[in-house]
Amino acid sequence: MNKTELIQKLAKKTGMTIKDSEIAVNAIFDAKPGKGIIAVELDAGRKVTIPGFGVFKTVARKARTGINPKTGEKINIPAKKYPTFKAGKTLKDRVSE
């Protein structure tokens, strides 16, 4: 399913217009700076918990030394933060059936 299909299914399921459904989906999932609710919360270092569905959070990875596989040269890999999602029990159970 892509974003357009998600918007159409949301409109059909809720009776909202396509335009209103698009606004709702973008308000939640947009990844542009300062836009989507989930991304804004992750930027601020907070987690987003949706009971039964899962948890979105940010994880920090420490700086480390790696090896360039092509040349064998040691390289410094900088620290970075990245988003993660952990599915909740209800979602895991439903998908595994």
PDB file of N, CA and C in Angstrom:
ATOM      1  N   MET A   1       0.853  -1.170   0.000  1.00  0.00           N
ATOM      2  CA  MET A   1       0.000   0.000   0.000  1.00  0.00           C
ATOM      3  C   MET A   1       0.899   1.233   0.000  1.00  0.00           C
ATOM      4  N   ASN A   2       0.569   2.175  -0.842  1.00  0.00           N
ATOM      5  CA  ASN A   2       1.314   3.434  -0.846  1.00  0.00           C
ATOM      6  C   ASN A   2       0.467   4.527  -0.189  1.00  0.00           C
ATOM      7  N   LYS A   3       1.014   5.740  -0.152  1.00  0.00           N
ATOM      8  CA  LYS A   3       0.340   6.841   0.540  1.00  0.00           C
ATOM      9  C   LYS A   3      -1.021   7.156  -0.073  1.00  0.00           C
ATOM     10  N   THR A   4      -1.107   7.164  -1.394  1.00  0.00           N
ATOM     11  CA  THR A   4      -2.373   7.457  -2.074  1.00  0.00           C
ATOM     12  C   THR A   4      -3.442   6.428  -1.703  1.00  0.00           C
ATOM     13  N   GLU A   5      -3.059   5.168  -1.687  1.00  0.00           N
ATOM     14  CA  GLU A   5      -4.002   4.111  -1.315  1.00  0.00           C
ATOM     15  C   GLU A   5      -4.434   4.244   0.143  1.00  0.00           C
ATOM     16  N   LEU A   6      -3.495   4.607   1.012  1.00  0.00           N
ATOM     17  CA  LEU A   6      -3.825   4.828   2.425  1.00  0.00           C
ATOM     18  C   LEU A   6      -4.847   5.947   2.560  1.00  0.00           C
ATOM     19  N   ILE A   7      -4.647   7.036   1.847  1.00  0.00           N
ATOM     20  CA  ILE A   7      -5.575   8.170   1.888  1.00  0.00           C
ATOM     21  C   ILE A   7      -6.956   7.741   1.406  1.00  0.00           C
ATOM     22  N   GLN A   8      -7.016   6.985   0.311  1.00  0.00           N
ATOM     23  CA  GLN A   8      -8.300   6.525  -0.223  1.00  0.00           C
ATOM     24  C   GLN A   8      -9.018   5.593   0.745  1.00  0.00           C
ATOM     25  N   LYS A   9      -8.277   4.681   1.362  1.00  0.00           N
ATOM     26  CA  LYS A   9      -8.894   3.760   2.324  1.00  0.00           C
ATOM     27  C   LYS A   9      -9.387   4.493   3.564  1.00  0.00           C
ATOM     28  N   LEU A  10      -8.624   5.478   4.017  1.00  0.00           N
ATOM     29  CA  LEU A  10      -9.054   6.275   5.166  1.00  0.00           C
ATOM     30  C   LEU A  10     -10.341   7.020   4.842  1.00  0.00           C
ATOM     31  N   ALA A  11     -10.413   7.599   3.664  1.00  0.00           N
ATOM     32  CA  ALA A  11     -11.619   8.328   3.248  1.00  0.00           C
ATOM     33  C   ALA A  11     -12.826   7.395   3.204  1.00  0.00           C
ATOM     34  N   LYS A  12     -12.636   6.212   2.627  1.00  0.00           N
ATOM     35  CA  LYS A  12     -13.740   5.258   2.504  1.00  0.00           C
ATOM     36  C   LYS A  12     -14.203   4.754   3.880  1.00  0.00           C
ATOM     37  N   LYS A  13     -13.247   4.467   4.752  1.00  0.00           N
ATOM     38  CA  LYS A  13     -13.577   3.906   6.065  1.00  0.00           C
ATOM     39  C   LYS A  13     -14.230   4.925   6.995  1.00  0.00           C
ATOM     40  N   THR A  14     -13.834   6.199   6.885  1.00  0.00           N
ATOM     41  CA  THR A  14     -14.339   7.208   7.812  1.00  0.00           C
ATOM     42  C   THR A  14     -15.428   8.092   7.235  1.00  0.00           C
ATOM     43  N   GLY A  15     -15.601   8.066   5.914  1.00  0.00           N
ATOM     44  CA  GLY A  15     -16.568   8.948   5.293  1.00  0.00           C
ATOM     45  C   GLY A  15     -16.021  10.351   5.064  1.00  0.00           C
ATOM     46  N   MET A  16     -14.730  10.541   5.331  1.00  0.00           N
ATOM     47  CA  MET A  16     -14.088  11.832   5.089  1.00  0.00           C
ATOM     48  C   MET A  16     -13.885  12.014   3.584  1.00  0.00           C
ATOM     49  N   THR A  17     -13.677  13.245   3.179  1.00  0.00           N
ATOM     50  CA  THR A  17     -13.339  13.481   1.776  1.00  0.00           C
ATOM     51  C   THR A  17     -11.891  13.067   1.557  1.00  0.00           C
ATOM     52  N   ILE A  18     -11.523  12.863   0.299  1.00  0.00           N
ATOM     53  CA  ILE A  18     -10.141  12.523  -0.046  1.00  0.00           C
ATOM     54  C   ILE A  18      -9.202  13.628   0.441  1.00  0.00           C
ATOM     55  N   LYS A  19      -9.596  14.874   0.238  1.00  0.00           N
ATOM     56  CA  LYS A  19      -8.768  16.018   0.638  1.00  0.00           C
ATOM     57  C   LYS A  19      -8.556  16.033   2.154  1.00  0.00           C
ATOM     58  N   ASP A  20      -9.629  15.828   2.924  1.00  0.00           N
ATOM     59  CA  ASP A  20      -9.505  15.796   4.385  1.00  0.00           C
ATOM     60  C   ASP A  20      -8.653  14.613   4.845  1.00  0.00           C
ATOM     61  N   SER A  21      -8.794  13.480   4.171  1.00  0.00           N
ATOM     62  CA  SER A  21      -7.990  12.305   4.506  1.00  0.00           C
ATOM     63  C   SER A  21      -6.513  12.564   4.229  1.00  0.00           C
ATOM     64  N   GLU A  22      -6.230  13.253   3.134  1.00  0.00           N
ATOM     65  CA  GLU A  22      -4.847  13.589   2.799  1.00  0.00           C
ATOM     66  C   GLU A  22      -4.256  14.522   3.864  1.00  0.00           C
ATOM     67  N   ILE A  23      -5.037  15.486   4.308  1.00  0.00           N
ATOM     68  CA  ILE A  23      -4.588  16.408   5.346  1.00  0.00           C
ATOM     69  C   ILE A  23      -4.282  15.633   6.632  1.00  0.00           C
ATOM     70  N   ALA A  24      -5.147  14.689   6.994  1.00  0.00           N
ATOM     71  CA  ALA A  24      -4.951  13.901   8.216  1.00  0.00           C
ATOM     72  C   ALA A  24      -3.695  13.030   8.122  1.00  0.00           C
ATOM     73  N   VAL A  25      -3.518  12.352   6.998  1.00  0.00           N
ATOM     74  CA  VAL A  25      -2.342  11.490   6.819  1.00  0.00           C
ATOM     75  C   VAL A  25      -1.066  12.327   6.853  1.00  0.00           C
ATOM     76  N   ASN A  26      -1.066  13.457   6.157  1.00  0.00           N
ATOM     77  CA  ASN A  26       0.114  14.322   6.155  1.00  0.00           C
ATOM     78  C   ASN A  26       0.405  14.889   7.543  1.00  0.00           C
ATOM     79  N   ALA A  27      -0.634  15.223   8.294  1.00  0.00           N
ATOM     80  CA  ALA A  27      -0.446  15.777   9.637  1.00  0.00           C
ATOM     81  C   ALA A  27       0.248  14.772  10.556  1.00  0.00           C
ATOM     82  N   ILE A  28       0.027  13.504  10.325  1.00  0.00           N
ATOM     83  CA  ILE A  28       0.627  12.472  11.165  1.00  0.00           C
ATOM     84  C   ILE A  28       1.983  12.014  10.637  1.00  0.00           C
ATOM     85  N   PHE A  29       2.075  11.734   9.330  1.00  0.00           N
ATOM     86  CA  PHE A  29       3.241  11.039   8.789  1.00  0.00           C
ATOM     87  C   PHE A  29       4.240  11.883   8.005  1.00  0.00           C
ATOM     88  N   ASP A  30       3.984  13.146   7.753  1.00  0.00           N
ATOM     89  CA  ASP A  30       4.889  13.954   6.939  1.00  0.00           C
ATOM     90  C   ASP A  30       6.272  14.024   7.606  1.00  0.00           C
ATOM     91  N   ALA A  31       7.326  13.798   6.821  1.00  0.00           N
ATOM     92  CA  ALA A  31       8.686  13.789   7.371  1.00  0.00           C
ATOM     93  C   ALA A  31       9.441  15.089   7.123  1.00  0.00           C
ATOM     94  N   LYS A  32       8.799  16.063   6.484  1.00  0.00           N
ATOM     95  CA  LYS A  32       9.459  17.350   6.247  1.00  0.00           C
ATOM     96  C   LYS A  32       9.646  18.073   7.579  1.00  0.00           C
ATOM     97  N   PRO A  33      10.734  18.848   7.700  1.00  0.00           N
ATOM     98  CA  PRO A  33      10.996  19.550   8.971  1.00  0.00           C
ATOM     99  C   PRO A  33       9.807  20.384   9.447  1.00  0.00           C
ATOM    100  N   GLY A  34       9.422  20.162  10.710  1.00  0.00           N
ATOM    101  CA  GLY A  34       8.344  20.927  11.329  1.00  0.00           C
ATOM    102  C   GLY A  34       6.951  20.530  10.896  1.00  0.00           C
ATOM    103  N   LYS A  35       6.790  19.436  10.191  1.00  0.00           N
ATOM    104  CA  LYS A  35       5.467  19.068   9.657  1.00  0.00           C
ATOM    105  C   LYS A  35       4.799  17.944  10.457  1.00  0.00           C
ATOM    106  N   GLY A  36       5.039  16.689  10.107  1.00  0.00           N
ATOM    107  CA  GLY A  36       4.312  15.560  10.685  1.00  0.00           C
ATOM    108  C   GLY A  36       4.481  15.415  12.188  1.00  0.00           C
ATOM    109  N   ILE A  37       3.411  15.041  12.852  1.00  0.00           N
ATOM    110  CA  ILE A  37       3.392  14.905  14.311  1.00  0.00           C
ATOM    111  C   ILE A  37       4.452  13.915  14.789  1.00  0.00           C
ATOM    112  N   ILE A  38       4.530  12.754  14.165  1.00  0.00           N
ATOM    113  CA  ILE A  38       5.492  11.739  14.605  1.00  0.00           C
ATOM    114  C   ILE A  38       6.915  12.247  14.437  1.00  0.00           C
ATOM    115  N   ALA A  39       7.242  12.820  13.293  1.00  0.00           N
ATOM    116  CA  ALA A  39       8.598  13.314  13.038  1.00  0.00           C
ATOM    117  C   ALA A  39       8.979  14.443  13.991  1.00  0.00           C
ATOM    118  N   VAL A  40       8.058  15.333  14.276  1.00  0.00           N
ATOM    119  CA  VAL A  40       8.335  16.443  15.197  1.00  0.00           C
ATOM    120  C   VAL A  40       8.652  15.907  16.591  1.00  0.00           C
ATOM    121  N   GLU A  41       7.895  14.929  17.044  1.00  0.00           N
ATOM    122  CA  GLU A  41       8.145  14.339  18.360  1.00  0.00           C
ATOM    123  C   GLU A  41       9.499  13.633  18.398  1.00  0.00           C
ATOM    124  N   LEU A  42       9.841  12.915  17.337  1.00  0.00           N
ATOM    125  CA  LEU A  42      11.131  12.230  17.291  1.00  0.00           C
ATOM    126  C   LEU A  42      12.285  13.235  17.251  1.00  0.00           C
ATOM    127  N   ASP A  43      12.106  14.332  16.518  1.00  0.00           N
ATOM    128  CA  ASP A  43      13.115  15.403  16.491  1.00  0.00           C
ATOM    129  C   ASP A  43      13.390  15.933  17.894  1.00  0.00           C
ATOM    130  N   ALA A  44      12.353  16.026  18.699  1.00  0.00           N
ATOM    131  CA  ALA A  44      12.475  16.561  20.054  1.00  0.00           C
ATOM    132  C   ALA A  44      13.003  15.515  21.044  1.00  0.00           C
ATOM    133  N   GLY A  45      13.262  14.303  20.560  1.00  0.00           N
ATOM    134  CA  GLY A  45      13.793  13.256  21.432  1.00  0.00           C
ATOM    135  C   GLY A  45      12.726  12.511  22.215  1.00  0.00           C
ATOM    136  N   ARG A  46      11.472  12.730  21.872  1.00  0.00           N
ATOM    137  CA  ARG A  46      10.381  12.050  22.575  1.00  0.00           C
ATOM    138  C   ARG A  46       9.929  10.831  21.771  1.00  0.00           C
ATOM    139  N   LYS A  47       9.334   9.877  22.452  1.00  0.00           N
ATOM    140  CA  LYS A  47       8.799   8.714  21.748  1.00  0.00           C
ATOM    141  C   LYS A  47       7.296   8.869  21.553  1.00  0.00           C
ATOM    142  N   VAL A  48       6.773   8.178  20.558  1.00  0.00           N
ATOM    143  CA  VAL A  48       5.350   8.191  20.255  1.00  0.00           C
ATOM    144  C   VAL A  48       4.837   6.774  20.461  1.00  0.00           C
ATOM    145  N   THR A  49       3.953   6.606  21.439  1.00  0.00           N
ATOM    146  CA  THR A  49       3.407   5.291  21.762  1.00  0.00           C
ATOM    147  C   THR A  49       1.951   5.228  21.353  1.00  0.00           C
ATOM    148  N   ILE A  50       1.618   4.235  20.546  1.00  0.00           N
ATOM    149  CA  ILE A  50       0.233   3.994  20.147  1.00  0.00           C
ATOM    150  C   ILE A  50      -0.113   2.609  20.689  1.00  0.00           C
ATOM    151  N   PRO A  51      -0.839   2.553  21.816  1.00  0.00           N
ATOM    152  CA  PRO A  51      -1.111   1.280  22.476  1.00  0.00           C
ATOM    153  C   PRO A  51      -1.700   0.242  21.513  1.00  0.00           C
ATOM    154  N   GLY A  52      -1.132  -0.957  21.568  1.00  0.00           N
ATOM    155  CA  GLY A  52      -1.579  -2.050  20.717  1.00  0.00           C
ATOM    156  C   GLY A  52      -0.963  -2.022  19.332  1.00  0.00           C
ATOM    157  N   PHE A  53      -0.463  -0.870  18.889  1.00  0.00           N
ATOM    158  CA  PHE A  53       0.121  -0.751  17.554  1.00  0.00           C
ATOM    159  C   PHE A  53       1.637  -0.768  17.619  1.00  0.00           C
ATOM    160  N   GLY A  54       2.225   0.123  18.427  1.00  0.00           N
ATOM    161  CA  GLY A  54       3.675   0.127  18.547  1.00  0.00           C
ATOM    162  C   GLY A  54       4.229   1.433  19.057  1.00  0.00           C
ATOM    163  N   VAL A  55       5.567   1.506  19.050  1.00  0.00           N
ATOM    164  CA  VAL A  55       6.283   2.664  19.576  1.00  0.00           C
ATOM    165  C   VAL A  55       7.297   3.148  18.545  1.00  0.00           C
ATOM    166  N   PHE A  56       7.233   4.446  18.252  1.00  0.00           N
ATOM    167  CA  PHE A  56       8.242   5.100  17.429  1.00  0.00           C
ATOM    168  C   PHE A  56       9.176   5.808  18.396  1.00  0.00           C
ATOM    169  N   LYS A  57      10.491   5.647  18.218  1.00  0.00           N
ATOM    170  CA  LYS A  57      11.428   6.368  19.071  1.00  0.00           C
ATOM    171  C   LYS A  57      12.731   6.608  18.320  1.00  0.00           C
ATOM    172  N   THR A  58      13.572   7.445  18.923  1.00  0.00           N
ATOM    173  CA  THR A  58      14.864   7.766  18.342  1.00  0.00           C
ATOM    174  C   THR A  58      15.951   7.073  19.156  1.00  0.00           C
ATOM    175  N   VAL A  59      16.909   6.480  18.456  1.00  0.00           N
ATOM    176  CA  VAL A  59      18.012   5.784  19.103  1.00  0.00           C
ATOM    177  C   VAL A  59      19.312   6.456  18.664  1.00  0.00           C
ATOM    178  N   ALA A  60      20.230   6.640  19.601  1.00  0.00           N
ATOM    179  CA  ALA A  60      21.529   7.241  19.296  1.00  0.00           C
ATOM    180  C   ALA A  60      22.575   6.148  19.132  1.00  0.00           C
ATOM    181  N   ARG A  61      23.356   6.270  18.074  1.00  0.00           N
ATOM    182  CA  ARG A  61      24.458   5.341  17.845  1.00  0.00           C
ATOM    183  C   ARG A  61      25.755   6.105  18.098  1.00  0.00           C
ATOM    184  N   LYS A  62      26.661   5.541  18.872  1.00  0.00           N
ATOM    185  CA  LYS A  62      27.930   6.189  19.207  1.00  0.00           C
ATOM    186  C   LYS A  62      28.854   6.239  17.990  1.00  0.00           C
ATOM    187  N   ALA A  63      29.785   7.169  18.018  1.00  0.00           N
ATOM    188  CA  ALA A  63      30.819   7.232  16.986  1.00  0.00           C
ATOM    189  C   ALA A  63      31.685   5.982  17.105  1.00  0.00           C
ATOM    190  N   ARG A  64      32.187   5.505  15.996  1.00  0.00           N
ATOM    191  CA  ARG A  64      33.005   4.292  16.026  1.00  0.00           C
ATOM    192  C   ARG A  64      33.984   4.289  14.860  1.00  0.00           C
ATOM    193  N   THR A  65      34.917   3.363  14.909  1.00  0.00           N
ATOM    194  CA  THR A  65      35.884   3.209  13.835  1.00  0.00           C
ATOM    195  C   THR A  65      35.463   2.011  13.006  1.00  0.00           C
ATOM    196  N   GLY A  66      35.435   2.191  11.701  1.00  0.00           N
ATOM    197  CA  GLY A  66      35.086   1.117  10.792  1.00  0.00           C
ATOM    198  C   GLY A  66      36.210   0.891   9.804  1.00  0.00           C
ATOM    199  N   ILE A  67      36.013  -0.061   8.916  1.00  0.00           N
ATOM    200  CA  ILE A  67      37.013  -0.374   7.896  1.00  0.00           C
ATOM    201  C   ILE A  67      36.347  -0.298   6.534  1.00  0.00           C
ATOM    202  N   ASN A  68      36.957   0.449   5.631  1.00  0.00           N
ATOM    203  CA  ASN A  68      36.483   0.520   4.256  1.00  0.00           C
ATOM    204  C   ASN A  68      36.746  -0.844   3.619  1.00  0.00           C
ATOM    205  N   PRO A  69      35.693  -1.582   3.231  1.00  0.00           N
ATOM    206  CA  PRO A  69      35.897  -2.931   2.708  1.00  0.00           C
ATOM    207  C   PRO A  69      36.669  -2.958   1.377  1.00  0.00           C
ATOM    208  N   LYS A  70      36.645  -1.872   0.654  1.00  0.00           N
ATOM    209  CA  LYS A  70      37.318  -1.821  -0.646  1.00  0.00           C
ATOM    210  C   LYS A  70      38.828  -1.643  -0.487  1.00  0.00           C
ATOM    211  N   THR A  71      39.229  -0.778   0.465  1.00  0.00           N
ATOM    212  CA  THR A  71      40.649  -0.452   0.609  1.00  0.00           C
ATOM    213  C   THR A  71      41.279  -1.008   1.878  1.00  0.00           C
ATOM    214  N   GLY A  72      40.468  -1.409   2.840  1.00  0.00           N
ATOM    215  CA  GLY A  72      40.981  -1.885   4.116  1.00  0.00           C
ATOM    216  C   GLY A  72      41.391  -0.755   5.044  1.00  0.00           C
ATOM    217  N   GLU A  73      41.195   0.483   4.603  1.00  0.00           N
ATOM    218  CA  GLU A  73      41.566   1.660   5.390  1.00  0.00           C
ATOM    219  C   GLU A  73      40.583   1.863   6.536  1.00  0.00           C
ATOM    220  N   LYS A  74      41.130   2.269   7.690  1.00  0.00           N
ATOM    221  CA  LYS A  74      40.262   2.572   8.834  1.00  0.00           C
ATOM    222  C   LYS A  74      39.621   3.932   8.614  1.00  0.00           C
ATOM    223  N   ILE A  75      38.334   4.016   8.940  1.00  0.00           N
ATOM    224  CA  ILE A  75      37.602   5.276   8.794  1.00  0.00           C
ATOM    225  C   ILE A  75      36.827   5.555  10.074  1.00  0.00           C
ATOM    226  N   ASN A  76      36.597   6.830  10.343  1.00  0.00           N
ATOM    227  CA  ASN A  76      35.790   7.218  11.492  1.00  0.00           C
ATOM    228  C   ASN A  76      34.339   7.357  11.044  1.00  0.00           C
ATOM    229  N   ILE A  77      33.465   6.680  11.754  1.00  0.00           N
ATOM    230  CA  ILE A  77      32.038   6.766  11.481  1.00  0.00           C
ATOM    231  C   ILE A  77      31.441   7.641  12.576  1.00  0.00           C
ATOM    232  N   PRO A  78      30.849   8.779  12.210  1.00  0.00           N
ATOM    233  CA  PRO A  78      30.342   9.704  13.238  1.00  0.00           C
ATOM    234  C   PRO A  78      29.106   9.160  13.966  1.00  0.00           C
ATOM    235  N   ALA A  79      28.864   9.715  15.144  1.00  0.00           N
ATOM    236  CA  ALA A  79      27.665   9.374  15.905  1.00  0.00           C
ATOM    237  C   ALA A  79      26.450   9.887  15.144  1.00  0.00           C
ATOM    238  N   LYS A  80      25.339   9.191  15.293  1.00  0.00           N
ATOM    239  CA  LYS A  80      24.115   9.673  14.656  1.00  0.00           C
ATOM    240  C   LYS A  80      22.899   9.133  15.387  1.00  0.00           C
ATOM    241  N   LYS A  81      21.783   9.791  15.156  1.00  0.00           N
ATOM    242  CA  LYS A  81      20.504   9.345  15.694  1.00  0.00           C
ATOM    243  C   LYS A  81      19.667   8.835  14.532  1.00  0.00           C
ATOM    244  N   TYR A  82      18.858   7.821  14.803  1.00  0.00           N
ATOM    245  CA  TYR A  82      17.990   7.289  13.766  1.00  0.00           C
ATOM    246  C   TYR A  82      16.663   6.849  14.381  1.00  0.00           C
ATOM    247  N   PRO A  83      15.589   6.893  13.587  1.00  0.00           N
ATOM    248  CA  PRO A  83      14.279   6.502  14.104  1.00  0.00           C
ATOM    249  C   PRO A  83      14.101   4.981  14.071  1.00  0.00           C
ATOM    250  N   THR A  84      13.366   4.473  15.046  1.00  0.00           N
ATOM    251  CA  THR A  84      13.038   3.045  15.067  1.00  0.00           C
ATOM    252  C   THR A  84      11.545   2.884  15.357  1.00  0.00           C
ATOM    253  N   PHE A  85      11.030   1.717  15.011  1.00  0.00           N
ATOM    254  CA  PHE A  85       9.645   1.365  15.319  1.00  0.00           C
ATOM    255  C   PHE A  85       9.645  -0.035  15.893  1.00  0.00           C
ATOM    256  N   LYS A  86       8.960  -0.207  17.013  1.00  0.00           N
ATOM    257  CA  LYS A  86       8.800  -1.529  17.603  1.00  0.00           C
ATOM    258  C   LYS A  86       7.309  -1.827  17.658  1.00  0.00           C
ATOM    259  N   ALA A  87       6.914  -2.880  16.999  1.00  0.00           N
ATOM    260  CA  ALA A  87       5.504  -3.243  16.950  1.00  0.00           C
ATOM    261  C   ALA A  87       5.005  -3.666  18.326  1.00  0.00           C
ATOM    262  N   GLY A  88       3.763  -3.290  18.632  1.00  0.00           N
ATOM    263  CA  GLY A  88       3.133  -3.667  19.881  1.00  0.00           C
ATOM    264  C   GLY A  88       2.630  -5.104  19.838  1.00  0.00           C
ATOM    265  N   LYS A  89       2.300  -5.661  20.985  1.00  0.00           N
ATOM    266  CA  LYS A  89       1.873  -7.057  21.082  1.00  0.00           C
ATOM    267  C   LYS A  89       0.636  -7.344  20.243  1.00  0.00           C
ATOM    268  N   THR A  90      -0.355  -6.468  20.285  1.00  0.00           N
ATOM    269  CA  THR A  90      -1.572  -6.703  19.525  1.00  0.00           C
ATOM    270  C   THR A  90      -1.277  -6.783  18.034  1.00  0.00           C
ATOM    271  N   LEU A  91      -0.465  -5.880  17.520  1.00  0.00           N
ATOM    272  CA  LEU A  91      -0.102  -5.894  16.101  1.00  0.00           C
ATOM    273  C   LEU A  91       0.717  -7.134  15.751  1.00  0.00           C
ATOM    274  N   LYS A  92       1.661  -7.482  16.606  1.00  0.00           N
ATOM    275  CA  LYS A  92       2.489  -8.681  16.359  1.00  0.00           C
ATOM    276  C   LYS A  92       1.611  -9.928  16.287  1.00  0.00           C
ATOM    277  N   ASP A  93       0.705 -10.054  17.261  1.00  0.00           N
ATOM    278  CA  ASP A  93      -0.167 -11.222  17.302  1.00  0.00           C
ATOM    279  C   ASP A  93      -1.059 -11.304  16.075  1.00  0.00           C
ATOM    280  N   ARG A  94      -1.590 -10.175  15.643  1.00  0.00           N
ATOM    281  CA  ARG A  94      -2.484 -10.161  14.481  1.00  0.00           C
ATOM    282  C   ARG A  94      -1.741 -10.546  13.208  1.00  0.00           C
ATOM    283  N   VAL A  95      -0.544 -10.023  13.021  1.00  0.00           N
ATOM    284  CA  VAL A  95       0.219 -10.315  11.819  1.00  0.00           C
ATOM    285  C   VAL A  95       0.698 -11.761  11.795  1.00  0.00           C
ATOM    286  N   SER A  96       1.016 -12.313  12.965  1.00  0.00           N
ATOM    287  CA  SER A  96       1.560 -13.677  13.020  1.00  0.00           C
ATOM    288  C   SER A  96       0.509 -14.762  12.819  1.00  0.00           C
ATOM    289  N   GLU A  97      -0.770 -14.393  12.843  1.00  0.00           N
ATOM    290  CA  GLU A  97      -1.839 -15.409  12.682  1.00  0.00           C
ATOM    291  C   GLU A  97      -1.948 -15.857  11.247  1.00  0.00           C
TER     292      GLU A  97
END
